[in-house]
Amino acid sequence: MPRKSRIDAPGALHHIIIRGIECRRIFTDDQDRDNFIERLGEILTEMKAFCFAWALISNHAHILLRSGLMSSA
C-alpha cells in the first residue's frame, strides 16, 4: 500500500531522509557530496525554500528545510 502524500503548505517544516537501496552508498567521495549540495542549493533557490541543516552520510542523507512561500502566479 502506498504511503500518504506528504502535506505541504507554504512555510511547512520538513525532515527529508534519502536512503540508498539495500544500504548502498549514495555518496562515494567529497566531489559527490559537493555536487549534491550545489544542486540542492539551486533547487532551494528556485523553490524559495530555506535549508536549516543537512547531514550527508555515505549511504543516506537528512535535510531539514522549510518550504518556500508559493507565489500567486
Protein backbone atom coordinates (compact mmCIF):
# COMPACT_ATOMS: atom_id res chain seq x y z
CA MET A 1 0.00 0.00 0.00
CA PRO A 2 1.49 3.38 -0.99
CA ARG A 3 2.14 5.90 1.73
CA LYS A 4 0.01 9.03 2.01
CA SER A 5 1.11 12.16 0.19
CA ARG A 6 3.36 14.50 2.13
CA ILE A 7 1.49 17.53 3.44
CA ASP A 8 2.98 20.71 2.04
CA ALA A 9 1.94 24.26 2.74
CA PRO A 10 3.87 27.49 2.42
CA GLY A 11 6.34 27.65 5.29
CA ALA A 12 5.95 23.99 6.35
CA LEU A 13 8.95 22.38 8.05
CA HIS A 14 10.17 19.07 6.56
CA HIS A 15 12.67 16.44 7.68
CA ILE A 16 13.66 14.68 4.46
CA ILE A 17 15.53 11.38 4.50
CA ILE A 18 17.24 9.92 1.42
CA ARG A 19 18.47 6.32 1.64
CA GLY A 20 20.50 4.16 -0.68
CA ILE A 21 18.78 0.99 -1.90
CA GLU A 22 19.86 -2.01 0.21
CA CYS A 23 22.03 0.36 2.30
CA ARG A 24 24.24 1.04 -0.73
CA ARG A 25 26.39 4.15 -0.87
CA ILE A 26 24.84 7.25 -2.42
CA PHE A 27 27.99 9.36 -1.98
CA THR A 28 31.38 7.92 -2.88
CA ASP A 29 33.59 10.95 -2.28
CA ASP A 30 33.69 14.67 -1.48
CA GLN A 31 33.03 15.54 -5.12
CA ASP A 32 29.70 13.64 -4.95
CA ARG A 33 28.75 15.46 -1.76
CA ASP A 34 29.76 18.86 -3.17
CA ASN A 35 27.72 18.19 -6.32
CA PHE A 36 24.69 17.23 -4.24
CA ILE A 37 24.93 20.39 -2.11
CA GLU A 38 25.31 22.55 -5.23
CA ARG A 39 22.20 21.03 -6.82
CA LEU A 40 20.28 21.26 -3.54
CA GLY A 41 21.17 24.97 -3.35
CA GLU A 42 19.86 25.55 -6.87
CA ILE A 43 16.57 23.80 -6.08
CA LEU A 44 16.14 25.65 -2.77
CA THR A 45 16.73 28.98 -4.53
CA GLU A 46 14.28 28.13 -7.29
CA MET A 47 11.62 26.99 -4.82
CA LYS A 48 12.34 29.86 -2.38
CA ALA A 49 12.83 27.32 0.40
CA PHE A 50 15.25 27.56 3.34
CA CYS A 51 17.52 24.74 4.49
CA PHE A 52 18.28 24.76 8.22
CA ALA A 53 20.60 21.76 8.26
CA TRP A 54 21.81 18.73 6.33
CA ALA A 55 23.81 15.62 7.11
CA LEU A 56 25.35 13.62 4.28
CA ILE A 57 26.38 10.10 5.26
CA SER A 58 27.78 7.62 2.74
CA ASN A 59 24.53 5.64 2.42
CA HIS A 60 21.90 8.22 3.43
CA ALA A 61 21.20 11.91 3.95
CA HIS A 62 19.00 14.06 6.18
CA ILE A 63 17.74 17.51 5.20
CA LEU A 64 15.75 19.90 7.39
CA LEU A 65 14.02 22.59 5.35
CA ARG A 66 11.14 24.99 5.36
CA SER A 67 9.16 25.08 2.13
CA GLY A 68 9.01 28.41 0.35
CA LEU A 69 6.12 30.76 0.10
CA MET A 70 4.12 29.96 -3.01
CA SER A 71 3.68 32.79 -5.47
CA SER A 72 0.29 33.70 -6.86
CA ALA A 73 1.48 33.32 -10.47
